[in-house]
C-alpha atoms as a PDB file:
ATOM      1  CA  MET A   1     128.879 148.599  67.439  1.00  0.00           C
ATOM      2  CA  ASN A   2     128.489 146.443  70.597  1.00  0.00           C
ATOM      3  CA  LEU A   3     130.859 143.591  71.252  1.00  0.00           C
ATOM      4  CA  ALA A   4     129.811 140.626  73.368  1.00  0.00           C
ATOM      5  CA  THR A   5     132.055 139.939  76.297  1.00  0.00           C
ATOM      6  CA  ARG A   6     133.000 136.493  77.494  1.00  0.00           C
ATOM      7  CA  GLU A   7     130.573 136.968  80.402  1.00  0.00           C
ATOM      8  CA  ASP A   8     127.743 137.872  77.975  1.00  0.00           C
ATOM      9  CA  ILE A   9     128.337 134.706  75.976  1.00  0.00           C
ATOM     10  CA  GLU A  10     128.549 132.585  79.131  1.00  0.00           C
ATOM     11  CA  LEU A  11     125.243 134.042  80.401  1.00  0.00           C
ATOM     12  CA  TRP A  12     123.547 133.448  77.043  1.00  0.00           C
ATOM     13  CA  LYS A  13     124.859 129.864  76.968  1.00  0.00           C
ATOM     14  CA  ASN A  14     123.501 129.133  80.453  1.00  0.00           C
ATOM     15  CA  GLU A  15     120.101 130.594  79.583  1.00  0.00           C
ATOM     16  CA  LEU A  16     119.993 128.540  76.382  1.00  0.00           C
ATOM     17  CA  ILE A  17     120.886 125.324  78.215  1.00  0.00           C
ATOM     18  CA  GLN A  18     118.182 126.000  80.805  1.00  0.00           C
ATOM     19  CA  GLN A  19     115.560 126.576  78.094  1.00  0.00           C
ATOM     20  CA  VAL A  20     116.544 123.400  76.231  1.00  0.00           C
ATOM     21  CA  CYS A  21     116.352 121.375  79.457  1.00  0.00           C
ATOM     22  CA  GLU A  22     112.847 122.713  80.111  1.00  0.00           C
ATOM     23  CA  LEU A  23     111.777 121.732  76.602  1.00  0.00           C
ATOM     24  CA  LEU A  24     113.178 118.215  76.999  1.00  0.00           C
ATOM     25  CA  LYS A  25     111.352 117.493  80.274  1.00  0.00           C
ATOM     26  CA  PRO A  26     108.638 114.888  79.747  1.00  0.00           C
ATOM     27  CA  SER A  27     105.218 116.449  79.810  1.00  0.00           C
ATOM     28  CA  ASN A  28     102.462 114.603  81.618  1.00  0.00           C
ATOM     29  CA  SER A  29      98.786 115.298  81.441  1.00  0.00           C
ATOM     30  CA  LEU A  30      98.833 115.519  85.243  1.00  0.00           C
ATOM     31  CA  PRO A  31     101.058 117.728  87.319  1.00  0.00           C
ATOM     32  CA  GLU A  32     103.397 115.909  89.674  1.00  0.00           C
ATOM     33  CA  LYS A  33     100.922 116.442  92.478  1.00  0.00           C
ATOM     34  CA  TRP A  34      98.883 113.300  91.760  1.00  0.00           C
ATOM     35  CA  VAL A  35      99.919 109.742  90.899  1.00  0.00           C
ATOM     36  CA  LYS A  36      98.024 106.653  89.819  1.00  0.00           C
ATOM     37  CA  SER A  37      97.497 103.607  92.044  1.00  0.00           C
ATOM     38  CA  GLU A  38     100.472 101.649  90.730  1.00  0.00           C
ATOM     39  CA  THR A  39     102.873 104.493  91.464  1.00  0.00           C
ATOM     40  CA  ALA A  40     101.361 105.051  94.920  1.00  0.00           C
ATOM     41  CA  ARG A  41     101.798 101.325  95.693  1.00  0.00           C
ATOM     42  CA  ASP A  42     105.392 101.427  94.462  1.00  0.00           C
ATOM     43  CA  ILE A  43     106.229 104.445  96.632  1.00  0.00           C
ATOM     44  CA  LEU A  44     104.561 103.015  99.736  1.00  0.00           C
ATOM     45  CA  GLN A  45     105.671  99.436  98.990  1.00  0.00           C
ATOM     46  CA  CYS A  46     102.169  98.186  99.757  1.00  0.00           C
ATOM     47  CA  SER A  47      99.511  95.961  98.234  1.00  0.00           C
ATOM     48  CA  SER A  48      96.316  97.032  96.511  1.00  0.00           C
ATOM     49  CA  GLY A  49      94.388  95.973  99.609  1.00  0.00           C
ATOM     50  CA  THR A  50      96.493  98.150 101.897  1.00  0.00           C
ATOM     51  CA  LEU A  51      96.060 101.111  99.552  1.00  0.00           C
ATOM     52  CA  GLN A  52      92.303 100.504  99.593  1.00  0.00           C
ATOM     53  CA  ASN A  53      92.330 100.465 103.426  1.00  0.00           C
ATOM     54  CA  LEU A  54      94.272 103.733 103.481  1.00  0.00           C
ATOM     55  CA  ARG A  55      91.594 105.208 101.207  1.00  0.00           C
ATOM     56  CA  LYS A  56      88.676 103.862 103.240  1.00  0.00           C
ATOM     57  CA  ASN A  57      89.956 105.044 106.621  1.00  0.00           C
ATOM     58  CA  GLY A  58      90.816 108.512 105.268  1.00  0.00           C
ATOM     59  CA  THR A  59      94.571 108.193 105.721  1.00  0.00           C
ATOM     60  CA  ILE A  60      95.360 109.051 102.096  1.00  0.00           C
ATOM     61  CA  GLU A  61      93.828 111.705  99.882  1.00  0.00           C
ATOM     62  CA  PHE A  62      92.592 110.497  96.522  1.00  0.00           C
ATOM     63  CA  SER A  63      90.520 111.533  93.565  1.00  0.00           C
ATOM     64  CA  LYS A  64      88.567 109.279  91.233  1.00  0.00           C
ATOM     65  CA  ILE A  65      88.016 110.213  87.628  1.00  0.00           C
ATOM     66  CA  GLY A  66      86.085 107.620  85.689  1.00  0.00           C
ATOM     67  CA  GLY A  67      87.536 104.346  86.869  1.00  0.00           C
ATOM     68  CA  THR A  68      90.985 105.707  87.612  1.00  0.00           C
ATOM     69  CA  LEU A  69      92.155 106.572  91.119  1.00  0.00           C
ATOM     70  CA  TYR A  70      94.746 109.280  91.694  1.00  0.00           C
ATOM     71  CA  TYR A  71      96.608 109.793  94.970  1.00  0.00           C
ATOM     72  CA  SER A  72      98.009 113.005  96.376  1.00  0.00           C
ATOM     73  CA  LEU A  73     101.815 112.933  96.569  1.00  0.00           C
ATOM     74  CA  ASP A  74     101.629 115.295  99.549  1.00  0.00           C
ATOM     75  CA  SER A  75      99.393 112.784 101.316  1.00  0.00           C
ATOM     76  CA  ILE A  76     101.811 109.949 100.523  1.00  0.00           C
ATOM     77  CA  LYS A  77     104.725 112.010 101.903  1.00  0.00           C
ATOM     78  CA  ASP A  78     102.687 112.743 105.057  1.00  0.00           C
ATOM     79  CA  ILE A  79     102.046 109.021 105.603  1.00  0.00           C
ATOM     80  CA  LEU A  80     105.756 108.268 105.289  1.00  0.00           C
ATOM     81  CA  GLU A  81     106.687 111.094 107.675  1.00  0.00           C
ATOM     82  CA  LYS A  82     104.083 110.093 110.277  1.00  0.00           C
ATOM     83  CA  ASN A  83     105.295 106.489 110.247  1.00  0.00           C
ATOM     84  CA  LYS A  84     108.994 107.335 110.307  1.00  0.00           C
ATOM     85  CA  GLN A  85     110.940 105.205 112.796  1.00  0.00           C
ATOM     86  CA  ASN A  86     114.129 106.185 114.586  1.00  0.00           C
ATOM     87  CA  ALA A  87     117.016 103.728 114.342  1.00  0.00           C
ATOM     88  CA  ALA A  88     117.495 101.803 117.581  1.00  0.00           C
END
């Protein structure tokens, strides 16, 4: 007969909590690599026109499926990094 130690129970508890947390995460149809226009505008704090200009001049990566535009989060992060300003 095997008895569970306190460490065994603690390990099992942690694994169970981790599995429950994974199950409770919201599932999206898209991975967190692409966001829709509204989210991209919110992150960049810009207008629709500015987002369109970023698309047209090749500054931001995007994909269009049907009538919906999706923007690469990596591309958005790159834009923010490239335009980072040092405090004076």
